[in-house]
Amino acid sequence: MGTQSSLGSTDVAIRTALKKAYNDAGIKILVSAFGSTDEPTHLDPVVVATNLAKFVNDYDLDGADIDYEDNGAMEAGKGEAWLITFTTKLRSLMPNKVITHAPQAPYFKEDHYQKGGYIKVDR
């Protein structure tokens, strides 16, 4: 936008002005984490949550949307515990921020996943 922007002359000023405009219109700004090509379960959930919370807090975002699609981990019964640990840590680091999840519909087939799928995560 350049230093001549009506929103400000620095990256921080411009981000702050844009976020205020969106928030004033009732729109929250979230970062999306993971997705169909990411398999985060092999990483430490506490470290991943800490890094994500730092990003959200450093950039003054309203929260994070978790798009967990690590099918192999969910099939192996490892996804649920990872998600629970990750989300619990994320909440502790972002107590007043929005955290949403966008699970795939099959993850709610409790009897299909040895550890209960997203039903266990939700509980």
Protein backbone atom coordinates (compact mmCIF):
# COMPACT_ATOMS: atom_id res chain seq x y z
CA MET A 1 0.00 0.00 0.00
CA GLY A 2 3.03 2.22 0.36
CA THR A 3 3.86 5.00 2.76
CA GLN A 4 1.25 7.29 1.20
CA SER A 5 -1.70 5.06 2.14
CA SER A 6 -4.67 6.72 3.80
CA LEU A 7 -4.58 3.84 6.28
CA GLY A 8 -1.15 4.70 7.63
CA SER A 9 2.51 4.86 6.73
CA THR A 10 3.82 1.66 8.37
CA ASP A 11 2.88 -1.99 8.13
CA VAL A 12 1.67 -1.95 11.73
CA ALA A 13 -0.46 1.17 11.22
CA ILE A 14 -2.01 -0.21 8.04
CA ARG A 15 -2.76 -3.61 9.64
CA THR A 16 -4.26 -1.87 12.67
CA ALA A 17 -6.48 0.36 10.52
CA LEU A 18 -7.65 -2.55 8.36
CA LYS A 19 -8.39 -4.73 11.38
CA LYS A 20 -10.35 -1.92 13.01
CA ALA A 21 -12.39 -1.41 9.84
CA TYR A 22 -13.24 -5.11 9.66
CA ASN A 23 -13.98 -5.36 13.39
CA ASP A 24 -16.16 -2.23 13.23
CA ALA A 25 -18.16 -3.99 10.50
CA GLY A 26 -18.61 -7.03 12.76
CA ILE A 27 -16.01 -9.15 10.97
CA LYS A 28 -13.37 -11.09 12.88
CA ILE A 29 -9.99 -11.84 11.32
CA LEU A 30 -8.67 -15.35 11.89
CA VAL A 31 -5.67 -17.20 10.55
CA SER A 32 -6.32 -20.65 9.12
CA ALA A 33 -3.96 -23.40 10.25
CA PHE A 34 -3.19 -26.66 8.45
CA GLY A 35 -5.39 -27.97 5.61
CA SER A 36 -5.54 -30.94 3.29
CA THR A 37 -1.81 -31.08 2.54
CA ASP A 38 -0.54 -30.61 6.10
CA GLU A 39 0.07 -33.45 8.55
CA PRO A 40 0.87 -31.71 11.84
CA THR A 41 0.41 -34.74 14.08
CA HIS A 42 4.07 -35.73 13.76
CA LEU A 43 5.00 -32.43 15.46
CA ASP A 44 4.79 -31.60 19.16
CA PRO A 45 1.26 -30.20 19.71
CA VAL A 46 2.41 -27.84 22.48
CA VAL A 47 5.12 -26.34 20.27
CA VAL A 48 2.73 -25.98 17.33
CA ALA A 49 0.07 -24.34 19.53
CA THR A 50 2.67 -22.01 21.06
CA ASN A 51 3.90 -20.92 17.64
CA LEU A 52 0.38 -20.39 16.31
CA ALA A 53 -0.67 -18.40 19.39
CA LYS A 54 2.43 -16.24 19.06
CA PHE A 55 1.51 -15.45 15.45
CA VAL A 56 -2.11 -14.63 16.35
CA ASN A 57 -1.05 -12.45 19.28
CA ASP A 58 1.88 -10.77 17.48
CA TYR A 59 -0.39 -9.72 14.60
CA ASP A 60 -3.36 -8.92 16.88
CA LEU A 61 -5.69 -11.28 15.03
CA ASP A 62 -9.03 -12.26 16.48
CA GLY A 63 -8.19 -15.95 16.55
CA ALA A 64 -7.43 -19.10 14.61
CA ASP A 65 -9.41 -21.60 12.56
CA ILE A 66 -8.07 -25.14 12.80
CA ASP A 67 -8.48 -27.05 9.53
CA TYR A 68 -7.12 -30.40 10.70
CA GLU A 69 -7.16 -33.01 7.94
CA ASP A 70 -4.44 -35.44 8.98
CA ASN A 71 -6.35 -38.53 7.85
CA GLY A 72 -3.50 -40.96 8.47
CA ALA A 73 -3.15 -39.83 12.07
CA MET A 74 -6.89 -39.97 12.66
CA GLU A 75 -7.07 -43.47 11.16
CA ALA A 76 -4.14 -44.57 13.36
CA GLY A 77 -5.85 -43.28 16.52
CA LYS A 78 -3.30 -40.51 17.07
CA GLY A 79 -5.27 -37.47 15.90
CA GLU A 80 -7.66 -37.12 18.80
CA ALA A 81 -5.05 -36.87 21.56
CA TRP A 82 -2.95 -34.51 19.44
CA LEU A 83 -5.93 -32.22 18.78
CA ILE A 84 -6.98 -32.20 22.42
CA THR A 85 -3.48 -31.32 23.64
CA PHE A 86 -3.03 -28.76 20.86
CA THR A 87 -6.40 -27.05 21.42
CA THR A 88 -6.03 -27.02 25.20
CA LYS A 89 -2.62 -25.35 24.93
CA LEU A 90 -3.86 -22.93 22.27
CA ARG A 91 -6.79 -21.90 24.50
CA SER A 92 -4.46 -21.32 27.45
CA LEU A 93 -2.31 -19.00 25.31
CA MET A 94 -5.24 -17.22 23.67
CA PRO A 95 -7.87 -17.01 26.43
CA ASN A 96 -9.85 -14.19 24.81
CA LYS A 97 -9.42 -15.17 21.17
CA VAL A 98 -11.67 -17.17 18.85
CA ILE A 99 -10.73 -20.78 18.15
CA THR A 100 -12.76 -22.66 15.57
CA HIS A 101 -12.31 -26.07 14.01
CA ALA A 102 -13.34 -27.13 10.50
CA PRO A 103 -13.32 -30.92 10.75
CA GLN A 104 -14.17 -33.14 7.84
CA ALA A 105 -17.64 -34.67 8.21
CA PRO A 106 -16.37 -38.29 8.34
CA TYR A 107 -14.43 -37.47 11.51
CA PHE A 108 -17.78 -37.49 13.33
CA LYS A 109 -18.30 -41.20 12.65
CA GLU A 110 -17.34 -42.20 16.16
CA ASP A 111 -17.41 -45.95 15.51
CA HIS A 112 -15.14 -45.58 12.46
CA TYR A 113 -12.16 -44.22 14.42
CA GLN A 114 -10.54 -46.37 17.10
CA LYS A 115 -10.22 -43.39 19.46
CA GLY A 116 -13.60 -41.80 18.64
CA GLY A 117 -12.73 -39.19 16.02
CA TYR A 118 -13.94 -35.63 16.52
CA ILE A 119 -16.66 -36.80 18.91
CA LYS A 120 -13.87 -37.43 21.44
CA VAL A 121 -12.24 -34.10 20.64
CA ASP A 122 -15.55 -32.31 21.14
CA ARG A 123 -16.18 -34.03 24.45
